[in-house]
Amino acid sequence: MAKNGFTDKVKITVKAGNGGDGMNSFKAYKGKPACGPDGGDGGNGGSVFFVGDKDMHDLLSFRYTAKYFAGNGERGGTNQCFGKSGEDLYVKVPCGTLVRDFESGKILCDVYEDGETVKIVTGGRGGKGNTRFTTARRHAPNFAQKGVITKPHVLILEMKVIADVGLVGFPNVGKSTLLSKVSAAKPKIADYHFTTLSPNLGVAKYYDDSFIVADIPGLIEGASEGAGLGHDFLRHIDRTRMICHVVDISGMEGRDPLEDFEIINAELKNYSETLSALPQIVALNKTDVPGAEQNIARFRKKFGKRCEIYEISAVRGEGTKELLRAIDEKLKTLPPAERIPADEFVLEEGESLDFEIFVDENGAYVVVGGLVDMLCRNVVLNNPDSMNYFQRVLKLRGVFKALEAAGCKPDDTVVVGDVEFTYI
């Protein structure tokens, strides 16, 4: 989503690097053309990481570059030389960026702190060179394993502002003016609706204490359903520890301040019960406008027992010190903001269950590939149940059919990892 150059939600594609293929080669000396296998392993593909950067304030750069691919691993070399691993890719994102899988909508991570580094996808493993397949009975394996080919993944990056206090209220109630008075922020200020088209952050100080204040673009009735700018920017209040509700108590916009207050609270509740339960301080702004006294009395009569109310004039700076003191005291009683927990979901990390079949110099059918690596990790050779699982996987994955298609007949020898058996 982009408004007036501000971007807080984008769709990108990331891909870890492919693993390099293993090398199939043999040593050769003058007069001795084949002196044993010497093929090295392929290099691992590079991984993709996201890094939190406090100096980034939106996701604008991702609108121009939407594909992020890590480097591929190089093929293994002769003389048992390993291929070079692909370069890892580090992508900077603003602190407070939520990373989702596009297809499932699951949360992968919340890049919360400056410098925090999160691995998003892992590079494919490099294939094994033919040296790795040498055994006591197989002295010259004439095959090597291919590297794992990784898949691209589409992600949604969603920025959620990290702030201690969120300023909410109808358009043109004076939130930006208040932010400019209590911090060094310089938000755009004008006397018309929706002047603020993106969240503005400022650091407010009260003596030795400081806290971050976010000016959230003006909400209107129906914001939680997508009206106005509300649907786009309500997400930026998710992380705030408390809310400062700014009300235009003068009524100079032709609206009833009491109704405004109830409408905004209803929108917060419709958007999130958790959000509506946040501690709230009310700032009655524009108290210097003639006629505001009557509305102040009405407001205090109706909401005075359930709300902490402060009267201010943001333009003149009147009452802002008392408001800051109240916010500072309230924050000291509240727990720190927490990162949004990730779902129990991970992207496929370059693990392939493919396989290949070769015939070695002894006529044995050798099965290699990601499926074999998985079985080697999970099968216990001296356990009958584990071996039953081993045979069941070979059948379900089509290994037996592929062996027959390759010419394997009954009584031929089949080698799968460390397991050697006679085909029946």
Protein backbone atom coordinates (compact mmCIF):
# COMPACT_ATOMS: atom_id res chain seq x y z
CA MET A 1 0.00 0.00 0.00
CA ALA A 2 1.37 3.38 -0.98
CA LYS A 3 -0.01 6.82 -0.32
CA ASN A 4 1.84 10.03 -1.14
CA GLY A 5 5.10 8.08 -1.53
CA PHE A 6 4.69 6.25 1.79
CA THR A 7 4.72 2.46 1.43
CA ASP A 8 3.98 0.12 4.32
CA LYS A 9 2.92 -3.07 2.53
CA VAL A 10 4.62 -4.78 -0.43
CA LYS A 11 4.81 -8.14 -2.18
CA ILE A 12 8.26 -9.47 -3.04
CA THR A 13 9.86 -12.70 -4.25
CA VAL A 14 12.85 -14.29 -2.53
CA LYS A 15 14.87 -17.30 -3.57
CA ALA A 16 17.78 -19.06 -1.91
CA GLY A 17 20.67 -20.10 -4.11
CA ASN A 18 20.77 -23.52 -5.79
CA GLY A 19 23.32 -26.05 -4.59
CA GLY A 20 26.18 -26.72 -6.98
CA ASP A 21 26.45 -30.13 -8.65
CA GLY A 22 29.01 -32.61 -7.42
CA MET A 23 31.90 -33.39 -9.78
CA ASN A 24 32.31 -36.76 -11.48
CA SER A 25 36.01 -37.06 -12.30
CA PHE A 26 39.03 -39.36 -11.96
CA LYS A 27 42.67 -38.73 -11.32
CA ALA A 28 44.83 -39.16 -14.38
CA TYR A 29 48.60 -39.42 -14.53
CA LYS A 30 50.84 -39.95 -17.52
CA GLY A 31 50.52 -43.57 -18.49
CA LYS A 32 47.76 -44.12 -15.94
CA PRO A 33 44.54 -42.62 -17.35
CA ALA A 34 42.28 -43.61 -14.41
CA CYS A 35 43.70 -43.68 -10.91
CA GLY A 36 40.58 -43.42 -8.84
CA PRO A 37 37.77 -40.90 -8.28
CA ASP A 38 38.63 -37.34 -7.24
CA GLY A 39 35.40 -35.37 -7.79
CA GLY A 40 34.62 -32.78 -5.11
CA ASP A 41 31.28 -31.69 -3.65
CA GLY A 42 29.30 -28.78 -5.04
CA GLY A 43 29.03 -25.61 -3.00
CA ASN A 44 25.93 -24.81 -0.95
CA GLY A 45 23.61 -22.13 -2.24
CA GLY A 46 23.41 -18.79 -0.45
CA SER A 47 20.64 -18.08 2.06
CA VAL A 48 18.38 -15.03 2.28
CA PHE A 49 18.35 -12.97 5.50
CA PHE A 50 16.30 -9.95 6.57
CA VAL A 51 18.04 -7.35 8.73
CA GLY A 52 16.29 -4.70 10.84
CA ASP A 53 17.42 -1.14 10.05
CA LYS A 54 16.33 1.75 12.28
CA ASP A 55 17.18 4.26 9.55
CA MET A 56 14.54 2.88 7.18
CA HIS A 57 11.09 4.36 7.72
CA ASP A 58 8.98 2.65 5.08
CA LEU A 59 9.10 -0.05 2.38
CA LEU A 60 9.40 2.34 -0.56
CA SER A 61 12.59 0.75 -1.94
CA PHE A 62 10.78 -2.58 -2.42
CA ARG A 63 8.45 -0.97 -4.95
CA TYR A 64 11.36 -0.71 -7.38
CA THR A 65 13.11 -4.01 -6.65
CA ALA A 66 10.76 -6.90 -6.02
CA LYS A 67 13.03 -9.93 -6.57
CA TYR A 68 15.79 -10.93 -4.15
CA PHE A 69 17.86 -13.97 -5.14
CA ALA A 70 20.88 -15.30 -3.23
CA GLY A 71 23.93 -16.67 -5.09
CA ASN A 72 24.10 -20.22 -6.46
CA GLY A 73 26.72 -22.68 -5.28
CA GLU A 74 29.43 -23.59 -7.78
CA ARG A 75 30.05 -27.04 -9.17
CA GLY A 76 32.60 -29.23 -7.38
CA GLY A 77 36.07 -29.45 -8.84
CA THR A 78 38.63 -32.11 -9.58
CA ASN A 79 41.22 -33.24 -7.05
CA GLN A 80 38.43 -33.36 -4.44
CA CYS A 81 38.03 -29.57 -4.47
CA PHE A 82 34.74 -28.27 -3.13
CA GLY A 83 32.75 -25.80 -5.18
CA LYS A 84 32.45 -22.26 -3.83
CA SER A 85 29.31 -21.61 -1.80
CA GLY A 86 26.87 -19.01 -3.11
CA GLU A 87 26.82 -15.59 -1.49
CA ASP A 88 24.22 -15.01 1.20
CA LEU A 89 21.85 -12.13 0.58
CA TYR A 90 21.10 -9.63 3.37
CA VAL A 91 17.99 -7.52 2.79
CA LYS A 92 17.47 -4.45 5.02
CA VAL A 93 13.93 -3.78 6.25
CA PRO A 94 12.49 -1.23 8.70
CA CYS A 95 12.26 -2.26 12.33
CA GLY A 96 8.74 -3.52 12.92
CA THR A 97 8.41 -5.35 9.59
CA LEU A 98 6.13 -8.38 9.65
CA VAL A 99 7.01 -11.08 7.10
CA ARG A 100 4.18 -13.29 5.81
CA ASP A 101 4.02 -16.16 3.35
CA PHE A 102 1.82 -14.96 0.48
CA GLU A 103 0.06 -18.27 -0.17
CA SER A 104 -0.80 -19.26 3.39
CA GLY A 105 -0.82 -15.85 5.07
CA LYS A 106 1.25 -17.34 7.91
CA ILE A 107 3.64 -15.09 9.84
CA LEU A 108 7.25 -16.14 9.30
CA CYS A 109 8.87 -13.57 11.57
CA ASP A 110 8.68 -10.09 13.03
CA VAL A 111 11.90 -8.16 12.39
CA TYR A 112 11.66 -6.08 15.53
CA GLU A 113 15.05 -4.69 16.59
CA ASP A 114 17.77 -2.71 14.86
CA GLY A 115 20.45 -5.07 13.57
CA GLU A 116 18.31 -8.15 14.15
CA THR A 117 19.11 -10.75 11.47
CA VAL A 118 16.57 -13.43 10.54
CA LYS A 119 17.16 -16.24 8.06
CA ILE A 120 14.15 -16.46 5.73
CA VAL A 121 15.18 -19.27 3.36
CA THR A 122 18.19 -21.57 3.44
CA GLY A 123 20.32 -22.24 0.39
CA GLY A 124 20.20 -25.61 -1.37
CA ARG A 125 22.80 -28.17 -0.38
CA GLY A 126 25.59 -28.89 -2.81
CA GLY A 127 25.66 -32.31 -4.49
CA LYS A 128 28.23 -34.92 -3.49
CA GLY A 129 31.16 -35.62 -5.78
CA ASN A 130 31.86 -39.16 -6.95
CA THR A 131 34.59 -39.53 -4.29
CA ARG A 132 31.83 -39.63 -1.67
CA PHE A 133 30.33 -42.81 -3.19
CA THR A 134 33.45 -44.91 -2.90
CA THR A 135 32.96 -48.06 -0.79
CA ALA A 136 34.85 -51.26 -0.11
CA ARG A 137 33.19 -52.94 -3.09
CA ARG A 138 32.73 -49.84 -5.26
CA HIS A 139 36.17 -48.44 -6.05
CA ALA A 140 35.38 -46.27 -9.06
CA PRO A 141 31.89 -44.75 -8.88
CA ASN A 142 31.17 -43.10 -12.20
CA PHE A 143 28.46 -40.77 -10.99
CA ALA A 144 27.93 -37.68 -8.81
CA GLN A 145 24.96 -36.07 -7.10
CA LYS A 146 23.26 -32.94 -8.37
CA GLY A 147 22.80 -29.93 -6.10
CA VAL A 148 19.41 -29.10 -4.61
CA ILE A 149 17.35 -26.73 -6.74
CA THR A 150 15.50 -24.22 -4.56
CA LYS A 151 12.12 -22.66 -5.24
CA PRO A 152 11.16 -18.98 -5.23
CA HIS A 153 8.80 -17.83 -2.49
CA VAL A 154 6.40 -14.90 -2.60
CA LEU A 155 6.28 -12.91 0.63
CA ILE A 156 4.26 -10.02 1.98
CA LEU A 157 6.18 -7.41 3.96
CA GLU A 158 3.96 -5.41 6.27
CA MET A 159 5.37 -2.56 8.30
CA LYS A 160 3.88 -1.89 11.73
CA VAL A 161 5.18 1.23 13.46
CA ILE A 162 6.86 0.61 16.82
CA ALA A 163 5.81 3.37 19.22
CA ASP A 164 4.97 3.79 22.89
CA VAL A 165 2.02 6.12 22.33
CA GLY A 166 -0.39 6.29 19.40
CA LEU A 167 -2.20 9.57 18.71
CA VAL A 168 -5.67 8.83 17.33
CA GLY A 169 -8.65 10.94 16.47
CA PHE A 170 -10.70 12.36 13.62
CA PRO A 171 -8.93 14.27 10.81
CA ASN A 172 -7.91 17.84 11.59
CA VAL A 173 -8.23 17.54 15.39
CA GLY A 174 -4.61 18.66 15.91
CA LYS A 175 -2.63 15.42 16.26
CA SER A 176 0.20 16.58 13.99
CA THR A 177 0.34 19.95 15.75
CA LEU A 178 0.53 18.19 19.12
CA LEU A 179 3.34 15.94 17.86
CA SER A 180 5.29 18.96 16.64
CA LYS A 181 4.97 20.60 20.07
CA VAL A 182 6.04 17.62 22.19
CA SER A 183 8.85 16.36 19.92
CA ALA A 184 11.29 17.45 17.24
CA ALA A 185 9.15 15.90 14.50
CA LYS A 186 8.12 18.17 11.63
CA PRO A 187 4.89 16.70 10.28
CA LYS A 188 2.93 18.40 7.53
CA ILE A 189 0.29 20.66 9.09
CA ALA A 190 -2.60 22.35 7.28
CA ASP A 191 -6.22 23.24 7.93
CA TYR A 192 -7.85 20.51 5.85
CA HIS A 193 -8.68 16.84 6.27
CA PHE A 194 -6.15 14.06 5.67
CA THR A 195 -3.13 16.35 5.74
CA THR A 196 -1.26 13.42 7.27
CA LEU A 197 -1.01 10.57 4.76
CA SER A 198 1.51 8.45 6.64
CA PRO A 199 2.35 7.76 10.29
CA ASN A 200 4.75 10.32 11.73
CA LEU A 201 7.07 9.42 14.58
CA GLY A 202 8.58 11.71 17.17
CA VAL A 203 10.57 11.26 20.36
CA ALA A 204 8.94 13.14 23.22
CA LYS A 205 10.96 14.00 26.32
CA TYR A 206 9.79 14.60 29.86
CA TYR A 207 12.81 15.56 31.93
CA ASP A 208 15.13 12.50 31.83
CA ASP A 209 12.53 10.20 30.30
CA SER A 210 11.75 9.82 26.62
CA PHE A 211 9.21 7.84 24.61
CA ILE A 212 8.15 7.44 20.98
CA VAL A 213 4.89 9.02 19.84
CA ALA A 214 3.19 8.03 16.57
CA ASP A 215 0.77 10.38 14.83
CA ILE A 216 -1.66 8.02 13.10
CA PRO A 217 -3.51 9.44 10.05
CA GLY A 218 -7.04 10.60 10.81
CA LEU A 219 -9.69 7.97 11.31
CA ILE A 220 -13.33 8.34 10.39
CA GLU A 221 -16.48 6.36 10.94
CA GLY A 222 -16.14 3.03 9.14
CA ALA A 223 -12.33 3.07 9.34
CA SER A 224 -12.21 -0.53 10.55
CA GLU A 225 -14.18 -1.54 7.45
CA GLY A 226 -11.86 0.30 5.08
CA ALA A 227 -13.34 3.79 4.96
CA GLY A 228 -10.96 6.72 4.55
CA LEU A 229 -7.39 5.93 5.49
CA GLY A 230 -8.33 3.90 8.54
CA HIS A 231 -8.11 0.41 7.09
CA ASP A 232 -4.60 1.12 5.81
CA PHE A 233 -3.22 2.69 8.96
CA LEU A 234 -5.00 1.09 11.90
CA ARG A 235 -2.29 -1.60 11.80
CA HIS A 236 0.20 0.99 12.99
CA ILE A 237 -1.47 1.21 16.39
CA ASP A 238 -1.13 -2.55 16.96
CA ARG A 239 2.21 -2.20 18.74
CA THR A 240 1.51 0.89 20.83
CA ARG A 241 1.50 0.50 24.60
CA MET A 242 -1.15 3.16 25.11
CA ILE A 243 -3.35 5.58 23.20
CA CYS A 244 -3.66 9.33 23.42
CA HIS A 245 -7.07 10.15 22.03
CA VAL A 246 -7.11 13.71 20.65
CA VAL A 247 -10.56 15.33 20.49
CA ASP A 248 -11.44 18.64 18.86
CA ILE A 249 -13.46 19.95 21.78
CA SER A 250 -14.27 23.21 20.01
CA GLY A 251 -16.70 21.54 17.62
CA MET A 252 -15.55 24.00 14.94
CA GLU A 253 -15.70 21.24 12.28
CA GLY A 254 -19.45 21.01 12.79
CA ARG A 255 -19.24 17.66 14.58
CA ASP A 256 -20.16 16.82 18.16
CA PRO A 257 -16.92 16.10 20.10
CA LEU A 258 -18.69 13.54 22.30
CA GLU A 259 -19.91 11.60 19.26
CA ASP A 260 -16.43 11.80 17.71
CA PHE A 261 -14.95 10.22 20.81
CA GLU A 262 -17.43 7.34 20.82
CA ILE A 263 -17.10 6.74 17.07
CA ILE A 264 -13.31 6.42 17.19
CA ASN A 265 -13.47 4.07 20.18
CA ALA A 266 -16.04 1.94 18.36
CA GLU A 267 -13.74 1.73 15.32
CA LEU A 268 -10.81 0.66 17.53
CA LYS A 269 -12.97 -2.06 19.08
CA ASN A 270 -14.21 -3.26 15.68
CA TYR A 271 -10.64 -3.51 14.46
CA SER A 272 -9.25 -5.30 17.51
CA GLU A 273 -10.52 -6.05 21.00
CA THR A 274 -6.91 -5.94 22.21
CA LEU A 275 -6.46 -2.49 20.73
CA SER A 276 -9.59 -1.11 22.35
CA ALA A 277 -8.41 -2.44 25.72
CA LEU A 278 -5.20 -0.39 25.67
CA PRO A 279 -4.87 2.31 28.34
CA GLN A 280 -6.16 5.61 26.98
CA ILE A 281 -5.59 9.23 27.91
CA VAL A 282 -7.86 11.89 26.40
CA ALA A 283 -6.49 15.22 25.19
CA LEU A 284 -9.23 17.81 24.66
CA ASN A 285 -7.64 20.09 22.07
CA LYS A 286 -8.51 23.59 20.84
CA THR A 287 -9.69 24.68 24.28
CA ASP A 288 -8.70 28.24 23.37
CA VAL A 289 -11.46 28.48 20.76
CA PRO A 290 -14.48 30.51 22.00
CA GLY A 291 -17.37 28.27 22.97
CA ALA A 292 -15.20 25.27 23.87
CA GLU A 293 -16.03 25.62 27.57
CA GLN A 294 -19.55 24.26 27.11
CA ASN A 295 -18.31 21.15 25.29
CA ILE A 296 -15.61 20.59 27.92
CA ALA A 297 -18.27 20.57 30.64
CA ARG A 298 -20.44 18.15 28.64
CA PHE A 299 -17.48 15.87 27.96
CA ARG A 300 -16.35 15.74 31.58
CA LYS A 301 -19.89 15.08 32.78
CA LYS A 302 -20.29 12.09 30.43
CA PHE A 303 -16.78 10.58 30.38
CA GLY A 304 -15.01 12.11 33.38
CA LYS A 305 -15.37 9.05 35.62
CA ARG A 306 -14.01 6.54 33.11
CA CYS A 307 -11.35 8.62 31.33
CA GLU A 308 -8.23 10.54 32.31
CA ILE A 309 -8.84 13.92 30.65
CA TYR A 310 -6.41 16.77 29.92
CA GLU A 311 -7.25 20.13 28.36
CA ILE A 312 -4.71 21.46 25.89
CA SER A 313 -4.17 23.95 23.12
CA ALA A 314 -1.65 22.28 20.80
CA VAL A 315 -1.14 25.48 18.79
CA ARG A 316 -0.16 27.50 21.86
CA GLY A 317 1.46 24.60 23.69
CA GLU A 318 -0.86 25.10 26.68
CA GLY A 319 -1.40 21.98 28.82
CA THR A 320 1.10 19.87 26.86
CA LYS A 321 3.53 19.60 29.77
CA GLU A 322 0.83 18.18 32.04
CA LEU A 323 -0.20 15.78 29.27
CA LEU A 324 3.40 14.58 28.85
CA ARG A 325 3.72 14.03 32.59
CA ALA A 326 0.56 11.90 32.63
CA ILE A 327 1.74 9.84 29.63
CA ASP A 328 5.17 9.34 31.18
CA GLU A 329 3.69 8.14 34.48
CA LYS A 330 1.29 5.79 32.70
CA LEU A 331 4.05 4.26 30.55
CA LYS A 332 6.09 3.44 33.65
CA THR A 333 3.29 1.14 34.80
CA LEU A 334 2.94 -0.67 31.46
CA PRO A 335 4.92 -3.64 30.13
CA PRO A 336 7.21 -3.02 27.14
CA ALA A 337 5.89 -3.61 23.65
CA GLU A 338 6.37 -7.16 22.38
CA ARG A 339 7.08 -8.57 18.96
CA ILE A 340 4.27 -10.37 17.17
CA PRO A 341 4.80 -14.14 17.53
CA ALA A 342 5.50 -16.15 14.39
CA ASP A 343 3.23 -18.99 13.31
CA GLU A 344 4.49 -22.57 13.38
CA PHE A 345 5.35 -22.46 9.72
CA VAL A 346 8.62 -22.39 7.79
CA LEU A 347 9.32 -22.05 4.12
CA GLU A 348 10.77 -25.02 2.29
CA GLU A 349 14.48 -24.73 2.98
CA GLY A 350 15.88 -26.19 -0.20
CA GLU A 351 15.26 -29.80 0.89
CA SER A 352 14.60 -31.90 -2.19
CA LEU A 353 13.25 -35.45 -2.23
CA ASP A 354 14.33 -36.08 -5.80
CA PHE A 355 16.54 -39.03 -6.66
CA GLU A 356 18.71 -40.35 -9.48
CA ILE A 357 19.77 -43.86 -10.43
CA PHE A 358 23.21 -44.86 -11.72
CA VAL A 359 24.78 -48.20 -12.58
CA ASP A 360 28.27 -48.60 -11.10
CA GLU A 361 31.21 -50.56 -12.48
CA ASN A 362 30.02 -53.71 -10.70
CA GLY A 363 26.58 -53.55 -12.29
CA ALA A 364 24.87 -52.42 -9.06
CA TYR A 365 22.02 -49.90 -9.27
CA VAL A 366 22.89 -46.95 -7.03
CA VAL A 367 20.17 -44.51 -5.90
CA VAL A 368 21.38 -41.04 -4.87
CA GLY A 369 19.76 -37.66 -4.19
CA GLY A 370 17.86 -35.72 -1.55
CA LEU A 371 15.51 -38.64 -0.85
CA VAL A 372 18.47 -40.86 -0.02
CA ASP A 373 19.98 -38.21 2.26
CA MET A 374 16.67 -37.96 4.13
CA LEU A 375 16.49 -41.74 4.55
CA CYS A 376 20.09 -41.91 5.78
CA ARG A 377 19.20 -39.44 8.53
CA ASN A 378 16.03 -41.25 9.58
CA VAL A 379 16.56 -44.99 9.07
CA VAL A 380 18.11 -47.20 11.75
CA LEU A 381 19.51 -50.25 9.99
CA ASN A 382 19.13 -52.70 12.89
CA ASN A 383 15.54 -51.73 13.64
CA PRO A 384 12.81 -53.74 11.82
CA ASP A 385 10.21 -50.96 12.06
CA SER A 386 12.68 -48.45 10.67
CA MET A 387 13.52 -50.75 7.77
CA ASN A 388 9.82 -51.23 7.04
CA TYR A 389 9.53 -47.44 6.84
CA PHE A 390 12.56 -47.41 4.53
CA GLN A 391 10.95 -49.86 2.08
CA ARG A 392 7.59 -48.10 2.25
CA VAL A 393 9.15 -44.73 1.34
CA LEU A 394 10.99 -46.27 -1.64
CA LYS A 395 7.72 -47.67 -2.91
CA LEU A 396 5.65 -44.51 -2.34
CA ARG A 397 8.28 -42.27 -3.94
CA GLY A 398 8.41 -44.45 -7.06
CA VAL A 399 11.98 -45.69 -6.56
CA PHE A 400 11.11 -49.31 -7.34
CA LYS A 401 9.34 -48.33 -10.56
CA ALA A 402 12.27 -46.14 -11.56
CA LEU A 403 14.67 -49.04 -10.92
CA GLU A 404 12.68 -51.32 -13.19
CA ALA A 405 12.55 -48.60 -15.85
CA ALA A 406 16.34 -48.35 -15.62
CA GLY A 407 16.65 -52.07 -16.33
CA CYS A 408 16.91 -53.46 -12.81
CA LYS A 409 15.84 -57.12 -12.66
CA PRO A 410 15.28 -59.58 -9.81
CA ASP A 411 18.49 -60.60 -8.04
CA ASP A 412 20.29 -57.41 -9.18
CA THR A 413 22.07 -55.44 -6.45
CA VAL A 414 20.57 -52.10 -5.35
CA VAL A 415 22.41 -49.59 -3.17
CA VAL A 416 20.51 -46.83 -1.33
CA GLY A 417 22.87 -44.85 0.93
CA ASP A 418 24.38 -47.32 3.38
CA VAL A 419 21.81 -50.00 2.57
CA GLU A 420 22.64 -52.65 -0.03
CA PHE A 421 20.04 -55.27 -0.96
CA THR A 422 19.05 -57.72 -3.69
CA TYR A 423 16.11 -56.54 -5.72
CA ILE A 424 13.07 -58.81 -5.59
